[in-house]
């Protein structure tokens, strides 16, 4: 306490005067300052080591905000600006830059279902608003595979993800079926499912299946990918955090299990999400269930 008092008042009274008044030997005081600096540098070294571990464990895709969230979970009390300084200026670690999206030409709207979501990407309860879409994934031989994913807008959880050789209405239907089956007690009559106007989602097979479950369909305007922005973001994350960092020589043996592991384990349970105030989707979902 005396050393702290000296630190707080040394500019007003002077160190020597305070040491005499408090009957403290100068050597004792300066040894205290030296020890405190040593503790600071030791703690700093430990934090920087943890930053490097997190960065390399995730393939260099995490920025300082994500790294800060991981450090906070581990019990480190450190600010985001400090993490930013350690990463960029002292360690030279920068997140892998994400590819820019191409410019889109906006087409004339041709609605099959009204855009009921209308870019309201929030939900007050789980299993009230889902988004779905397809994306392309490539093997090393250049052949393409198609992933269909459904996420819950409440917490951005991946509810279902299936990858296959063909982009069909059946793939969209199987993904929706898996999603519904994974949610015991779900009231599909209260569920809004948003997609683009792709032929898979406007097909008789898919629309009839939605009708049989009482699911309300909503569709983006033609040529407006930002009407389904959460899906765009998820697929960007999938490709930048996983697909672009590895080579996939086979589908069933390598690509398919890797995409499922990413969706159901890493994305849902490990990766903090800014929408959830840097909780994982699973943590945010558990909070909803508890309330």
Protein backbone atom coordinates (compact mmCIF):
# COMPACT_ATOMS: atom_id res chain seq x y z
CA UNK A 1 0.00 0.00 0.00
CA UNK A 2 2.87 2.38 0.85
CA UNK A 3 4.53 1.81 -2.52
CA UNK A 4 1.26 2.49 -4.30
CA UNK A 5 0.82 5.68 -2.27
CA UNK A 6 4.27 6.83 -3.36
CA UNK A 7 3.41 6.15 -7.00
CA UNK A 8 0.24 8.18 -6.74
CA UNK A 9 1.81 11.18 -4.97
CA UNK A 10 5.43 11.27 -6.15
CA UNK A 11 4.86 14.16 -8.56
CA UNK A 12 3.46 16.36 -5.80
CA UNK A 13 5.84 15.55 -2.93
CA UNK A 14 8.84 13.91 -4.56
CA UNK A 15 10.02 10.32 -4.11
CA UNK A 16 12.83 11.04 -1.63
CA UNK A 17 10.64 13.05 0.74
CA UNK A 18 7.96 10.36 0.72
CA UNK A 19 10.51 7.60 1.37
CA UNK A 20 11.87 9.48 4.41
CA UNK A 21 8.41 10.21 5.79
CA UNK A 22 7.31 6.57 5.38
CA UNK A 23 10.62 5.15 6.68
CA UNK A 24 11.18 3.11 3.53
CA UNK A 25 14.67 2.31 2.29
CA UNK A 26 15.25 3.49 -1.31
CA UNK A 27 16.60 0.07 -2.34
CA UNK A 28 13.38 -1.58 -1.21
CA UNK A 29 11.27 0.84 -3.24
CA UNK A 30 13.32 0.49 -6.43
CA UNK A 31 13.38 -3.28 -6.11
CA UNK A 32 9.59 -3.13 -5.93
CA UNK A 33 9.46 -1.14 -9.18
CA UNK A 34 11.84 -3.57 -10.86
CA UNK A 35 9.76 -6.56 -9.76
CA UNK A 36 6.57 -4.97 -10.99
CA UNK A 37 8.11 -4.38 -14.41
CA UNK A 38 9.30 -7.96 -14.51
CA UNK A 39 5.77 -9.17 -13.78
CA UNK A 40 4.42 -6.90 -16.51
CA UNK A 41 6.85 -8.20 -19.13
CA UNK A 42 6.25 -11.81 -18.05
CA UNK A 43 2.49 -11.38 -18.37
CA UNK A 44 2.90 -9.62 -21.71
CA UNK A 45 5.05 -12.47 -23.02
CA UNK A 46 2.44 -15.03 -21.94
CA UNK A 47 -0.38 -13.11 -23.65
CA UNK A 48 1.62 -12.77 -26.88
CA UNK A 49 2.34 -16.49 -26.82
CA UNK A 50 -1.39 -17.18 -26.48
CA UNK A 51 -2.13 -14.80 -29.36
CA UNK A 52 0.29 -16.68 -31.58
CA UNK A 53 -1.24 -20.03 -30.59
CA UNK A 54 -4.78 -18.85 -31.36
CA UNK A 55 -3.74 -17.22 -34.64
CA UNK A 56 -1.90 -20.26 -36.01
CA UNK A 57 -4.41 -22.79 -34.67
CA UNK A 58 -7.13 -21.12 -36.75
CA UNK A 59 -5.04 -20.75 -39.90
CA UNK A 60 -4.48 -17.01 -39.55
CA UNK A 61 -8.09 -16.08 -40.27
CA UNK A 62 -8.85 -14.42 -36.91
CA UNK A 63 -8.62 -10.65 -36.56
CA UNK A 64 -7.85 -8.91 -33.28
CA UNK A 65 -11.53 -8.80 -32.26
CA UNK A 66 -11.88 -12.58 -32.48
CA UNK A 67 -8.52 -13.13 -30.77
CA UNK A 68 -9.59 -10.76 -27.98
CA UNK A 69 -12.76 -12.81 -27.50
CA UNK A 70 -10.73 -16.02 -27.18
CA UNK A 71 -8.32 -14.40 -24.69
CA UNK A 72 -11.22 -13.11 -22.60
CA UNK A 73 -12.64 -16.63 -22.43
CA UNK A 74 -9.29 -17.85 -21.12
CA UNK A 75 -9.46 -15.31 -18.29
CA UNK A 76 -7.08 -12.67 -19.61
CA UNK A 77 -8.02 -9.10 -18.74
CA UNK A 78 -6.85 -7.15 -21.75
CA UNK A 79 -8.34 -4.49 -24.02
CA UNK A 80 -8.97 -4.82 -27.74
CA UNK A 81 -6.56 -1.98 -28.64
CA UNK A 82 -3.81 -3.79 -26.72
CA UNK A 83 -4.50 -7.04 -28.59
CA UNK A 84 -4.48 -5.07 -31.84
CA UNK A 85 -1.08 -3.55 -30.97
CA UNK A 86 0.43 -6.87 -29.94
CA UNK A 87 -0.83 -8.64 -33.07
CA UNK A 88 -0.13 -6.09 -35.78
CA UNK A 89 2.76 -3.97 -34.53
CA UNK A 90 4.72 -6.32 -32.27
CA UNK A 91 4.03 -9.79 -33.69
CA UNK A 92 3.29 -8.87 -37.30
CA UNK A 93 0.18 -11.05 -37.38
CA UNK A 94 -2.61 -9.98 -39.72
CA UNK A 95 -5.85 -11.80 -40.47
CA UNK A 96 -6.10 -13.39 -43.90
CA UNK A 97 -7.73 -10.80 -46.14
CA UNK A 98 -11.14 -11.77 -47.45
CA UNK A 99 -11.92 -11.63 -51.12
CA UNK A 100 -14.10 -8.78 -52.22
CA UNK A 101 -17.51 -9.67 -53.50
CA UNK A 102 -18.06 -9.02 -57.20
CA UNK A 103 -20.34 -6.23 -58.28
CA UNK A 104 -23.91 -7.35 -58.84
CA UNK A 105 -26.24 -6.34 -61.64
CA UNK A 106 -29.71 -5.81 -60.25
CA UNK A 107 -32.35 -7.60 -62.32
CA UNK A 108 -36.01 -6.92 -62.67
CA UNK A 109 -37.92 -8.54 -59.78
CA UNK A 110 -39.80 -11.73 -60.55
CA UNK A 111 -41.29 -12.79 -57.22
CA UNK A 112 -42.56 -16.25 -56.59
CA UNK A 113 -43.00 -15.55 -52.89
CA UNK A 114 -43.11 -12.16 -51.26
CA UNK A 115 -39.99 -10.96 -49.44
CA UNK A 116 -41.52 -11.20 -45.97
CA UNK A 117 -38.15 -11.02 -44.23
CA UNK A 118 -37.38 -7.65 -45.82
CA UNK A 119 -33.79 -7.58 -44.47
CA UNK A 120 -34.96 -7.87 -40.85
CA UNK A 121 -32.20 -10.28 -39.86
CA UNK A 122 -33.11 -10.47 -36.17
CA UNK A 123 -35.41 -12.91 -34.40
CA UNK A 124 -36.90 -12.76 -30.92
CA UNK A 125 -37.03 -16.57 -30.52
CA UNK A 126 -35.25 -19.62 -31.82
CA UNK A 127 -36.75 -21.41 -34.84
CA UNK A 128 -38.81 -18.45 -36.00
CA UNK A 129 -36.68 -17.21 -38.90
CA UNK A 130 -34.36 -19.41 -40.95
CA UNK A 131 -32.28 -18.51 -43.98
CA UNK A 132 -31.02 -20.96 -46.60
CA UNK A 133 -28.88 -20.90 -49.73
CA UNK A 134 -26.48 -22.88 -51.93
CA UNK A 135 -22.78 -22.34 -52.57
CA UNK A 136 -20.16 -23.91 -54.82
CA UNK A 137 -17.17 -25.87 -53.45
CA UNK A 138 -14.36 -27.25 -55.61
CA UNK A 139 -12.18 -30.34 -55.43
CA UNK A 140 -8.55 -30.28 -56.58
CA UNK A 141 -9.49 -31.83 -59.93
CA UNK A 142 -11.77 -28.87 -60.63
CA UNK A 143 -15.05 -30.72 -60.17
CA UNK A 144 -17.72 -28.84 -58.28
CA UNK A 145 -19.81 -29.84 -55.28
CA UNK A 146 -22.81 -27.98 -53.91
CA UNK A 147 -23.50 -27.14 -50.28
CA UNK A 148 -26.94 -26.26 -48.97
CA UNK A 149 -27.06 -24.72 -45.50
CA UNK A 150 -29.79 -23.42 -43.19
CA UNK A 151 -29.04 -21.00 -40.35
CA UNK A 152 -31.26 -19.65 -37.58
CA UNK A 153 -31.34 -15.86 -37.50
CA UNK A 154 -31.84 -15.87 -33.72
CA UNK A 155 -28.22 -16.78 -33.00
CA UNK A 156 -26.72 -17.58 -36.46
CA UNK A 157 -26.56 -21.31 -35.61
CA UNK A 158 -26.07 -23.69 -38.51
CA UNK A 159 -29.18 -25.86 -38.22
CA UNK A 160 -28.42 -28.10 -41.19
CA UNK A 161 -25.70 -28.45 -43.83
CA UNK A 162 -25.52 -31.00 -46.65
CA UNK A 163 -23.04 -31.16 -49.55
CA UNK A 164 -23.71 -33.17 -52.70
CA UNK A 165 -22.76 -33.58 -56.35
CA UNK A 166 -25.87 -31.96 -57.79
CA UNK A 167 -27.73 -28.74 -57.00
CA UNK A 168 -31.32 -29.93 -56.92
CA UNK A 169 -34.65 -29.37 -55.24
CA UNK A 170 -34.09 -32.69 -53.53
CA UNK A 171 -30.91 -31.37 -51.89
CA UNK A 172 -32.81 -28.30 -50.65
CA UNK A 173 -35.60 -30.53 -49.35
CA UNK A 174 -33.23 -32.96 -47.60
CA UNK A 175 -31.44 -30.06 -45.91
CA UNK A 176 -34.74 -28.64 -44.67
CA UNK A 177 -35.84 -32.07 -43.48
CA UNK A 178 -32.61 -32.51 -41.54
CA UNK A 179 -33.03 -29.06 -40.01
CA UNK A 180 -36.60 -29.74 -38.86
CA UNK A 181 -35.68 -33.19 -37.51
CA UNK A 182 -32.82 -31.68 -35.49
CA UNK A 183 -35.17 -29.39 -33.56
CA UNK A 184 -37.47 -31.45 -31.29
CA UNK A 185 -40.76 -29.76 -30.56
CA UNK A 186 -40.40 -27.16 -33.31
CA UNK A 187 -43.63 -25.49 -34.41
CA UNK A 188 -43.10 -25.25 -38.17
CA UNK A 189 -46.36 -23.31 -38.55
CA UNK A 190 -44.55 -20.36 -36.93
CA UNK A 191 -41.41 -20.72 -39.05
CA UNK A 192 -40.38 -18.31 -41.82
CA UNK A 193 -37.88 -19.73 -44.31
CA UNK A 194 -36.04 -17.19 -46.47
CA UNK A 195 -34.15 -18.03 -49.66
CA UNK A 196 -33.35 -16.61 -53.07
CA UNK A 197 -35.51 -17.25 -56.13
CA UNK A 198 -33.46 -20.22 -57.29
CA UNK A 199 -35.35 -22.94 -59.13
CA UNK A 200 -34.65 -25.38 -56.29
CA UNK A 201 -36.68 -23.25 -53.87
CA UNK A 202 -39.45 -22.41 -56.33
CA UNK A 203 -39.90 -26.02 -57.50
CA UNK A 204 -43.11 -27.89 -56.85
CA UNK A 205 -41.21 -30.51 -54.86
CA UNK A 206 -39.79 -27.99 -52.41
CA UNK A 207 -42.76 -25.63 -52.12
CA UNK A 208 -45.14 -28.56 -51.59
CA UNK A 209 -42.90 -29.88 -48.81
CA UNK A 210 -42.93 -26.47 -47.11
CA UNK A 211 -46.70 -26.31 -47.42
CA UNK A 212 -47.06 -29.77 -45.88
CA UNK A 213 -45.16 -28.54 -42.81
CA UNK A 214 -46.94 -25.18 -42.67
CA UNK A 215 -43.68 -23.31 -43.27
CA UNK A 216 -44.01 -19.80 -44.68
CA UNK A 217 -41.61 -19.11 -47.54
CA UNK A 218 -39.97 -15.74 -48.14
CA UNK A 219 -37.72 -14.87 -51.08
CA UNK A 220 -35.14 -12.25 -51.92
CA UNK A 221 -35.72 -9.89 -54.79
CA UNK A 222 -34.09 -11.06 -58.02
CA UNK A 223 -30.50 -9.83 -58.19
CA UNK A 224 -30.38 -8.61 -54.58
CA UNK A 225 -28.03 -10.98 -52.67
CA UNK A 226 -28.02 -8.62 -49.68
CA UNK A 227 -31.62 -9.61 -49.02
CA UNK A 228 -30.02 -12.82 -47.74
CA UNK A 229 -26.90 -11.24 -46.24
CA UNK A 230 -26.48 -13.65 -43.26
CA UNK A 231 -26.11 -16.57 -45.68
CA UNK A 232 -23.62 -14.60 -47.75
CA UNK A 233 -21.60 -13.95 -44.62
CA UNK A 234 -21.69 -17.57 -43.50
CA UNK A 235 -20.48 -18.85 -46.86
CA UNK A 236 -17.70 -16.24 -46.91
CA UNK A 237 -16.62 -17.46 -43.47
CA UNK A 238 -16.80 -21.11 -44.55
CA UNK A 239 -14.59 -20.47 -47.58
CA UNK A 240 -12.07 -18.12 -45.97
CA UNK A 241 -11.72 -20.03 -42.70
CA UNK A 242 -11.74 -23.52 -44.22
CA UNK A 243 -12.07 -24.14 -47.95
CA UNK A 244 -9.35 -21.76 -49.22
CA UNK A 245 -6.82 -23.06 -46.68
CA UNK A 246 -6.82 -26.74 -47.66
CA UNK A 247 -6.85 -29.04 -50.68
CA UNK A 248 -9.69 -31.50 -51.06
CA UNK A 249 -9.00 -34.48 -53.31
CA UNK A 250 -12.21 -36.39 -52.60
CA UNK A 251 -15.76 -35.52 -51.60
CA UNK A 252 -16.99 -38.19 -49.17
CA UNK A 253 -13.54 -38.82 -47.71
CA UNK A 254 -12.38 -35.23 -47.26
CA UNK A 255 -14.64 -32.37 -48.32
CA UNK A 256 -18.01 -33.49 -46.93
CA UNK A 257 -16.81 -34.34 -43.39
CA UNK A 258 -14.66 -31.19 -43.26
CA UNK A 259 -17.65 -28.96 -44.10
CA UNK A 260 -19.86 -30.69 -41.53
CA UNK A 261 -17.14 -30.48 -38.86
CA UNK A 262 -16.76 -26.78 -39.59
CA UNK A 263 -20.50 -26.09 -39.45
CA UNK A 264 -21.62 -28.17 -36.50
CA UNK A 265 -18.51 -28.01 -34.31
CA UNK A 266 -16.25 -25.05 -35.10
CA UNK A 267 -18.83 -22.50 -36.27
CA UNK A 268 -21.55 -23.40 -33.75
CA UNK A 269 -19.46 -24.22 -30.69
CA UNK A 270 -16.01 -22.60 -31.01
CA UNK A 271 -16.02 -19.49 -33.17
CA UNK A 272 -17.30 -16.33 -31.43
CA UNK A 273 -19.83 -14.38 -33.49
CA UNK A 274 -20.07 -10.59 -33.42
CA UNK A 275 -23.87 -10.78 -33.78
CA UNK A 276 -24.00 -12.62 -30.43
CA UNK A 277 -21.72 -10.09 -28.73
CA UNK A 278 -18.87 -12.55 -29.34
CA UNK A 279 -20.61 -15.53 -27.83
CA UNK A 280 -20.71 -18.65 -29.95
CA UNK A 281 -24.06 -19.50 -31.56
CA UNK A 282 -24.35 -22.44 -29.14
CA UNK A 283 -23.78 -20.20 -26.08
CA UNK A 284 -26.38 -17.71 -27.33
CA UNK A 285 -28.84 -20.52 -28.01
CA UNK A 286 -28.34 -22.01 -24.52
CA UNK A 287 -29.04 -18.59 -23.01
CA UNK A 288 -32.37 -18.51 -24.89
CA UNK A 289 -33.35 -21.97 -23.69
CA UNK A 290 -32.53 -21.08 -20.05
CA UNK A 291 -34.80 -18.06 -20.22
